[in-house]
Amino acid sequence: MSTYRDFTHRGSARATVLRTVGTRERRSHLTAPRVPTVGIDIGGTKVMAGVVDADGAILETLRAETPDKSKSPRVVEDTIVELVLDLSDRHDVHAVGIGAAGWVDADRNRVLFAPHLSWRNEPLRDRLSGRLAVPVMVDNDANTAAWGEWRFGAGRGEDHLVMITLGTGIGGAILEDGQVKRGRYGVAGEFGHMQVVPGGHRCPCGNRGCWEQYSSGNALVREAREMAAADSPVAYNIIDRVKGSIPDITGPLITELAREGDAMCVELLQDIGQWLGVGIANLAAALDPSCFVIGGGVSAADDLLIGPAREAFRRHLTGRGYRPEARIARAQLGPEAGMVGAADLARLVARRFRRAKRRRVERFERYERYVQARRTGRTAQGTQR
């Protein structure tokens, strides 16, 4: 007898069963079904997929290298599909959420631009919905990280939260009253490209003096390499650590040496932290949130970075001394924040899939009863003859 799995996959091997994602979260997270979903975090170097339950616990994760950006978008989609199908063989997956490092349109369907992948106005949701048997939700990776921290991490209980992700650049997200604020065109939160130094360092975005050129992983590494290339006496320790190979100087190495007490590395993190505090003060003047959550790889430096950021924030905050100060906290979910948040956002649309799935099962059962009744009727007629 055919199983429901066979029935749903008959014809096309992985036919779509539902296409659904509105322009807003239409279901409260408090009433979303408590079912497992898959979160996908797509970065420049890796694709991380995980099954997440309704409490934010990760049941299983898989990783794959991000296909080279010179390849077609289909190659990345193939990687995502394979990871989801692999996980669905061991878990009852009800929806898939994707956090993409790039600009996602307001409908959360198209990736307008991804700096590390060959996605340009790519209808990612529709393409993946056409290949998977569950609904797909697509959002910017900073938005999904902010949602994850608000639901399960450092932002729990906050009504007005701003997430800042410090990686190679700076990403960000705004969350108010249980809603991610994506802007009219879906690209809100690109804080890293606020200009803080007119005519300053050139940014890959095409402008000069962007915030991420002074407070990010790239800025940290650039400054360290410049000191090493100048053969500065304060850089001898890091030069020795990389055996003279300046390109081998990385952000994690700088953080490691700073924790060991290397004066130059401590100072570099303080500089990055001070610029971080200046930018946060500007965002507080514009958005007035109750909490800033600092995530991303650079945040691993913890108080070496966030301590100076807090000091600079208090020093540059407009109206300081006469207004409440927002809390500045390090993200708690680590590199899994985007994946967990994407999975939880996908859970908001899982109810529709569950209802549609139930209706399909009911139709299939009615069809099976109808076929069985026809067979019984023919058998009875044959007996009478």
Protein backbone atom coordinates (compact mmCIF):
# COMPACT_ATOMS: atom_id res chain seq x y z
CA MET A 1 0.00 0.00 0.00
CA SER A 2 1.25 3.49 -0.80
CA THR A 3 2.53 5.54 2.10
CA TYR A 4 1.79 9.22 2.50
CA ARG A 5 5.45 9.95 1.76
CA ASP A 6 5.15 8.05 -1.51
CA PHE A 7 1.92 9.86 -2.29
CA THR A 8 3.29 13.34 -1.72
CA HIS A 9 6.39 12.69 -3.80
CA ARG A 10 4.66 10.89 -6.66
CA GLY A 11 5.36 12.48 -10.04
CA SER A 12 8.03 15.03 -9.24
CA ALA A 13 10.56 13.62 -6.80
CA ARG A 14 10.40 16.62 -4.52
CA ALA A 15 7.36 18.52 -5.72
CA THR A 16 6.29 21.67 -3.99
CA VAL A 17 3.29 21.39 -1.70
CA LEU A 18 2.95 24.97 -0.59
CA ARG A 19 4.26 28.44 -1.33
CA THR A 20 3.73 30.81 1.50
CA VAL A 21 5.50 33.69 3.14
CA GLY A 22 3.79 37.00 3.72
CA THR A 23 5.43 40.39 3.99
CA ARG A 24 5.26 40.18 7.78
CA GLU A 25 5.22 37.55 10.49
CA ARG A 26 1.49 36.87 10.45
CA ARG A 27 1.49 34.36 13.24
CA SER A 28 2.67 35.17 16.74
CA HIS A 29 5.57 33.04 17.91
CA LEU A 30 3.45 32.27 20.97
CA THR A 31 0.87 30.43 18.87
CA ALA A 32 3.18 28.94 16.25
CA PRO A 33 3.08 25.13 16.12
CA ARG A 34 5.70 23.42 18.27
CA VAL A 35 7.21 21.42 15.44
CA PRO A 36 10.81 20.94 14.28
CA THR A 37 12.01 23.15 11.44
CA VAL A 38 15.28 23.54 9.54
CA GLY A 39 17.33 26.72 9.67
CA ILE A 40 19.91 27.49 6.99
CA ASP A 41 22.69 30.06 7.42
CA ILE A 42 24.44 30.92 4.15
CA GLY A 43 27.73 32.76 4.41
CA GLY A 44 30.68 33.43 2.18
CA THR A 45 32.54 30.28 3.24
CA LYS A 46 29.97 27.82 4.58
CA VAL A 47 26.35 26.71 4.46
CA MET A 48 25.17 25.56 7.89
CA ALA A 49 21.88 23.69 8.28
CA GLY A 50 20.26 22.53 11.49
CA VAL A 51 17.04 21.05 12.83
CA VAL A 52 15.73 23.26 15.64
CA ASP A 53 12.86 22.55 18.01
CA ALA A 54 10.31 25.03 19.34
CA ASP A 55 12.51 25.89 22.35
CA GLY A 56 15.48 26.85 20.20
CA ALA A 57 17.41 23.65 20.91
CA ILE A 58 19.50 22.38 18.00
CA LEU A 59 18.78 18.69 17.34
CA GLU A 60 21.29 18.15 14.54
CA THR A 61 23.53 20.25 12.31
CA LEU A 62 25.22 19.75 8.97
CA ARG A 63 27.78 21.92 7.21
CA ALA A 64 28.98 22.26 3.67
CA GLU A 65 31.39 24.61 1.98
CA THR A 66 29.77 27.45 0.09
CA PRO A 67 30.26 26.81 -3.63
CA ASP A 68 32.55 29.27 -5.32
CA LYS A 69 30.79 32.53 -6.19
CA SER A 70 31.81 32.19 -9.84
CA LYS A 71 29.45 29.23 -10.16
CA SER A 72 25.79 29.49 -11.05
CA PRO A 73 23.16 30.18 -8.34
CA ARG A 74 21.79 26.71 -9.00
CA VAL A 75 24.91 25.15 -7.46
CA VAL A 76 24.23 26.87 -4.12
CA GLU A 77 20.56 25.89 -4.30
CA ASP A 78 21.60 22.27 -4.90
CA THR A 79 23.73 22.40 -1.75
CA ILE A 80 20.80 23.73 0.30
CA VAL A 81 18.41 21.12 -1.05
CA GLU A 82 20.80 18.27 -0.33
CA LEU A 83 21.30 19.41 3.26
CA VAL A 84 17.55 19.75 3.86
CA LEU A 85 16.75 16.36 2.34
CA ASP A 86 19.52 14.75 4.37
CA LEU A 87 18.09 16.17 7.60
CA SER A 88 14.50 15.34 6.63
CA ASP A 89 15.43 11.66 6.35
CA ARG A 90 15.95 11.65 10.15
CA HIS A 91 13.57 14.37 11.32
CA ASP A 92 9.95 15.30 10.66
CA VAL A 93 10.68 18.73 9.15
CA HIS A 94 7.72 21.10 8.76
CA ALA A 95 9.34 24.22 7.26
CA VAL A 96 12.70 25.64 6.17
CA GLY A 97 14.04 29.09 7.04
CA ILE A 98 17.02 30.60 5.22
CA GLY A 99 19.23 33.43 6.42
CA ALA A 100 21.18 34.76 3.44
CA ALA A 101 24.14 37.12 3.59
CA GLY A 102 22.72 39.69 1.23
CA TRP A 103 19.82 41.99 0.48
CA VAL A 104 16.44 40.26 0.49
CA ASP A 105 13.38 42.01 -0.93
CA ALA A 106 10.41 43.02 1.22
CA ASP A 107 8.41 39.97 0.09
CA ARG A 108 11.24 37.71 1.29
CA ASN A 109 11.41 35.94 -2.02
CA ARG A 110 14.31 37.39 -3.99
CA VAL A 111 17.91 37.87 -2.95
CA LEU A 112 18.56 41.22 -4.60
CA PHE A 113 22.31 41.12 -4.07
CA ALA A 114 24.74 38.85 -2.25
CA PRO A 115 28.34 40.09 -1.99
CA HIS A 116 29.86 36.61 -1.66
CA LEU A 117 27.61 34.66 -4.05
CA SER A 118 26.43 35.03 -7.64
CA TRP A 119 22.88 35.91 -6.59
CA ARG A 120 21.52 38.95 -8.38
CA ASN A 121 17.74 39.40 -8.12
CA GLU A 122 17.50 35.65 -7.52
CA PRO A 123 14.00 34.23 -6.69
CA LEU A 124 15.44 31.94 -4.04
CA ARG A 125 12.22 31.17 -2.16
CA ASP A 126 10.26 30.19 -5.25
CA ARG A 127 13.10 28.10 -6.63
CA LEU A 128 13.54 26.16 -3.39
CA SER A 129 9.79 25.86 -2.79
CA GLY A 130 9.63 24.16 -6.15
CA ARG A 131 12.09 21.51 -4.99
CA LEU A 132 11.19 20.91 -1.35
CA ALA A 133 8.06 19.44 0.21
CA VAL A 134 7.77 22.11 2.91
CA PRO A 135 7.26 25.90 2.90
CA VAL A 136 10.38 28.05 2.62
CA MET A 137 11.09 31.39 4.33
CA VAL A 138 13.98 33.62 3.16
CA ASP A 139 15.42 36.58 5.07
CA ASN A 140 18.64 38.48 5.60
CA ASP A 141 21.04 36.67 7.93
CA ALA A 142 21.27 39.59 10.36
CA ASN A 143 17.48 39.65 10.64
CA THR A 144 17.39 35.95 11.45
CA ALA A 145 20.20 36.36 14.00
CA ALA A 146 18.34 39.21 15.68
CA TRP A 147 15.19 37.10 15.85
CA GLY A 148 17.12 34.19 17.36
CA GLU A 149 18.70 36.38 20.04
CA TRP A 150 15.34 38.00 20.83
CA ARG A 151 13.60 34.66 21.19
CA PHE A 152 16.28 32.60 22.91
CA GLY A 153 19.37 34.69 23.62
CA ALA A 154 20.64 38.02 24.91
CA GLY A 155 17.59 39.97 23.73
CA ARG A 156 14.88 38.03 25.55
CA GLY A 157 12.27 40.32 27.10
CA GLU A 158 13.30 43.37 25.06
CA ASP A 159 10.62 45.26 23.10
CA HIS A 160 13.06 47.40 21.08
CA LEU A 161 16.26 45.64 20.04
CA VAL A 162 19.03 46.42 17.58
CA MET A 163 21.37 43.64 16.48
CA ILE A 164 24.85 44.44 15.19
CA THR A 165 26.84 41.63 13.58
CA LEU A 166 30.58 42.17 13.42
CA GLY A 167 32.24 39.94 10.87
CA THR A 168 34.29 40.83 7.83
CA GLY A 169 31.91 43.80 7.64
CA ILE A 170 29.02 45.05 9.75
CA GLY A 171 25.44 43.87 9.38
CA GLY A 172 22.45 44.77 11.47
CA ALA A 173 18.78 44.36 12.18
CA ILE A 174 15.97 46.18 13.99
CA LEU A 175 13.28 44.41 15.99
CA GLU A 176 10.32 46.18 17.57
CA ASP A 177 7.33 44.68 19.37
CA GLY A 178 7.94 41.21 18.01
CA GLN A 179 8.41 42.34 14.40
CA VAL A 180 11.59 42.54 12.34
CA LYS A 181 11.68 45.96 10.68
CA ARG A 182 12.83 45.32 7.12
CA GLY A 183 12.03 48.70 5.56
CA ARG A 184 9.98 49.46 2.49
CA TYR A 185 12.30 47.57 0.14
CA GLY A 186 13.55 44.94 2.58
CA VAL A 187 17.10 46.25 3.00
CA ALA A 188 16.94 48.04 6.36
CA GLY A 189 19.74 47.45 8.84
CA GLU A 190 22.76 48.05 6.60
CA PHE A 191 24.41 49.97 9.41
CA GLY A 192 27.91 49.14 8.25
CA HIS A 193 27.57 51.61 5.38
CA MET A 194 26.78 54.67 7.45
CA GLN A 195 29.52 57.15 6.63
CA VAL A 196 31.38 58.11 9.80
CA VAL A 197 34.58 59.59 8.28
CA PRO A 198 34.01 61.73 5.17
CA GLY A 199 36.67 60.88 2.60
CA GLY A 200 37.94 58.02 4.75
CA HIS A 201 38.94 54.49 3.80
CA ARG A 202 37.47 53.18 0.56
CA CYS A 203 34.71 50.62 1.11
CA PRO A 204 33.82 47.79 -1.30
CA CYS A 205 30.33 49.32 -1.50
CA GLY A 206 31.87 52.17 -3.51
CA ASN A 207 31.78 54.89 -0.85
CA ARG A 208 34.42 56.16 1.52
CA GLY A 209 34.48 56.31 5.29
CA CYS A 210 31.85 53.64 6.00
CA TRP A 211 31.51 52.51 9.60
CA GLU A 212 32.61 48.97 8.80
CA GLN A 213 35.95 50.29 7.56
CA TYR A 214 36.72 51.28 11.17
CA SER A 215 34.91 48.68 13.28
CA SER A 216 34.88 45.20 11.74
CA GLY A 217 37.00 42.13 11.20
CA ASN A 218 38.42 43.59 8.01
CA ALA A 219 39.38 46.82 9.79
CA LEU A 220 41.06 44.88 12.61
CA VAL A 221 43.12 42.74 10.24
CA ARG A 222 43.98 45.67 7.97
CA GLU A 223 45.43 47.67 10.87
CA ALA A 224 47.43 44.72 12.18
CA ARG A 225 48.87 43.92 8.77
CA GLU A 226 49.82 47.55 8.19
CA MET A 227 51.71 47.63 11.48
CA ALA A 228 53.45 44.37 10.61
CA ALA A 229 54.30 45.51 7.08
CA ALA A 230 55.86 48.68 8.53
CA ASP A 231 58.02 46.42 10.72
CA SER A 232 56.80 48.28 13.80
CA PRO A 233 58.53 47.16 17.03
CA VAL A 234 55.11 46.70 18.67
CA ALA A 235 54.24 44.15 15.95
CA TYR A 236 57.23 41.86 16.51
CA ASN A 237 55.19 39.37 18.52
CA ILE A 238 52.54 38.86 15.85
CA ILE A 239 55.18 38.81 13.09
CA ASP A 240 56.96 36.06 14.97
CA ARG A 241 53.71 34.14 15.45
CA VAL A 242 53.03 34.04 11.67
CA LYS A 243 56.75 33.46 10.90
CA GLY A 244 56.92 36.64 8.86
CA SER A 245 53.96 35.77 6.59
CA ILE A 246 51.82 38.90 6.95
CA PRO A 247 48.86 37.49 4.96
CA ASP A 248 48.51 34.85 7.70
CA ILE A 249 47.47 37.50 10.22
CA THR A 250 43.78 36.92 10.99
CA GLY A 251 41.14 38.25 13.33
CA PRO A 252 41.07 35.15 15.56
CA LEU A 253 44.87 35.30 15.89
CA ILE A 254 44.71 38.97 16.95
CA THR A 255 42.06 38.11 19.55
CA GLU A 256 44.13 35.20 20.83
CA LEU A 257 47.23 37.37 21.25
CA ALA A 258 45.19 40.11 22.92
CA ARG A 259 43.95 37.61 25.49
CA GLU A 260 47.58 36.65 26.10
CA GLY A 261 48.33 40.31 26.82
CA ASP A 262 49.95 41.44 23.55
CA ALA A 263 49.89 45.24 23.83
CA MET A 264 49.41 45.96 20.11
CA CYS A 265 46.53 43.52 19.73
CA VAL A 266 44.82 44.84 22.87
CA GLU A 267 45.12 48.38 21.51
CA LEU A 268 43.76 47.39 18.10
CA LEU A 269 40.67 45.80 19.69
CA GLN A 270 40.22 48.91 21.83
CA ASP A 271 40.29 51.06 18.69
CA ILE A 272 37.72 48.83 16.99
CA GLY A 273 35.60 48.91 20.14
CA GLN A 274 35.71 52.71 20.37
CA TRP A 275 34.52 53.05 16.79
CA LEU A 276 31.83 50.50 17.58
CA GLY A 277 30.66 52.69 20.47
CA VAL A 278 30.54 55.78 18.26
CA GLY A 279 28.31 54.00 15.75
CA ILE A 280 26.06 52.63 18.48
CA ALA A 281 25.61 56.13 19.88
CA ASN A 282 24.52 57.33 16.42
CA LEU A 283 22.03 54.47 16.16
CA ALA A 284 20.69 55.24 19.63
CA ALA A 285 20.04 58.83 18.55
CA ALA A 286 18.11 57.61 15.52
CA LEU A 287 16.32 54.49 16.84
CA ASP A 288 16.32 54.74 20.66
CA PRO A 289 16.27 50.98 21.37
CA SER A 290 16.39 49.45 24.83
CA CYS A 291 19.13 46.98 23.93
CA PHE A 292 22.00 46.52 21.48
CA VAL A 293 23.09 42.93 20.92
CA ILE A 294 26.61 42.53 19.47
CA GLY A 295 27.18 39.33 17.51
CA GLY A 296 29.37 38.00 14.73
CA GLY A 297 32.84 36.52 14.82
CA VAL A 298 34.61 39.64 16.11
CA SER A 299 32.37 39.68 19.20
CA ALA A 300 34.35 36.64 20.42
CA ALA A 301 36.82 39.20 21.81
CA ASP A 302 34.16 39.89 24.47
CA ASP A 303 35.16 42.61 26.97
CA LEU A 304 38.35 43.42 25.06
CA LEU A 305 35.99 44.84 22.44
CA ILE A 306 32.66 45.48 24.17
CA GLY A 307 34.21 47.21 27.20
CA PRO A 308 35.70 50.03 25.08
CA ALA A 309 32.47 50.13 23.04
CA ARG A 310 30.41 50.79 26.17
CA GLU A 311 32.77 53.58 27.25
CA ALA A 312 32.68 55.26 23.83
CA PHE A 313 28.91 54.86 23.67
CA ARG A 314 28.43 56.73 26.96
CA ARG A 315 30.88 59.43 25.88
CA HIS A 316 29.22 60.08 22.51
CA LEU A 317 25.55 59.50 23.35
CA THR A 318 23.48 62.57 22.63
CA GLY A 319 21.75 63.91 25.74
CA ARG A 320 24.02 61.79 27.94
CA GLY A 321 23.18 62.14 31.60
CA TYR A 322 19.59 63.14 30.84
CA ARG A 323 18.23 60.04 29.15
CA PRO A 324 18.09 56.28 29.79
CA GLU A 325 20.98 54.36 28.27
CA ALA A 326 20.42 51.27 26.18
CA ARG A 327 21.93 48.03 27.38
CA ILE A 328 24.83 46.66 25.30
CA ALA A 329 25.13 42.87 25.44
CA ARG A 330 27.15 40.24 23.65
CA ALA A 331 25.08 37.72 21.65
CA GLN A 332 24.53 34.42 23.47
CA LEU A 333 23.79 32.04 20.60
CA GLY A 334 27.18 32.43 18.93
CA PRO A 335 27.55 31.46 15.27
CA GLU A 336 24.29 29.48 15.41
CA ALA A 337 22.12 32.58 16.01
CA GLY A 338 21.21 33.04 12.34
CA MET A 339 20.40 29.38 11.87
CA VAL A 340 18.24 29.20 15.01
CA GLY A 341 16.44 32.43 14.14
CA ALA A 342 15.76 31.30 10.57
CA ALA A 343 14.29 28.03 11.80
CA ASP A 344 12.06 29.84 14.30
CA LEU A 345 10.82 32.34 11.73
CA ALA A 346 9.99 29.44 9.44
CA ARG A 347 7.88 27.95 12.24
CA LEU A 348 5.52 30.91 11.91
CA VAL A 349 4.39 29.64 8.49
CA ALA A 350 4.48 25.93 9.38
CA ARG A 351 0.83 25.96 10.53
CA ARG A 352 -0.38 26.46 6.97
CA PHE A 353 1.71 23.54 5.83
CA ARG A 354 0.35 21.36 8.62
CA ARG A 355 -3.22 22.23 7.64
CA ALA A 356 -2.53 21.63 3.97
CA LYS A 357 -0.78 18.37 4.82
CA ARG A 358 -3.74 17.23 6.91
CA ARG A 359 -6.14 18.03 4.08
CA ARG A 360 -3.99 16.08 1.62
CA VAL A 361 -3.88 13.12 3.96
CA GLU A 362 -7.65 13.27 4.37
CA ARG A 363 -8.14 13.43 0.59
CA PHE A 364 -5.77 10.52 0.12
CA GLU A 365 -7.59 8.47 2.78
CA ARG A 366 -10.95 9.22 1.14
CA TYR A 367 -9.51 8.17 -2.18
CA GLU A 368 -8.22 4.93 -0.65
CA ARG A 369 -11.65 4.25 0.90
CA TYR A 370 -13.30 4.96 -2.45
CA VAL A 371 -10.96 2.55 -4.24
CA GLN A 372 -11.54 -0.08 -1.58
CA ALA A 373 -15.32 0.36 -1.83
CA ARG A 374 -15.15 -0.04 -5.62
CA ARG A 375 -13.12 -3.23 -5.22
CA THR A 376 -15.57 -4.57 -2.62
CA GLY A 377 -18.50 -3.73 -4.88
CA ARG A 378 -16.97 -5.54 -7.84
CA THR A 379 -16.22 -8.57 -5.65
CA ALA A 380 -19.83 -8.67 -4.43
CA GLN A 381 -21.18 -8.44 -7.96
CA GLY A 382 -18.90 -11.27 -9.07
CA THR A 383 -20.12 -13.45 -6.19
CA GLN A 384 -23.79 -12.84 -7.06
CA ARG A 385 -23.17 -13.91 -10.63
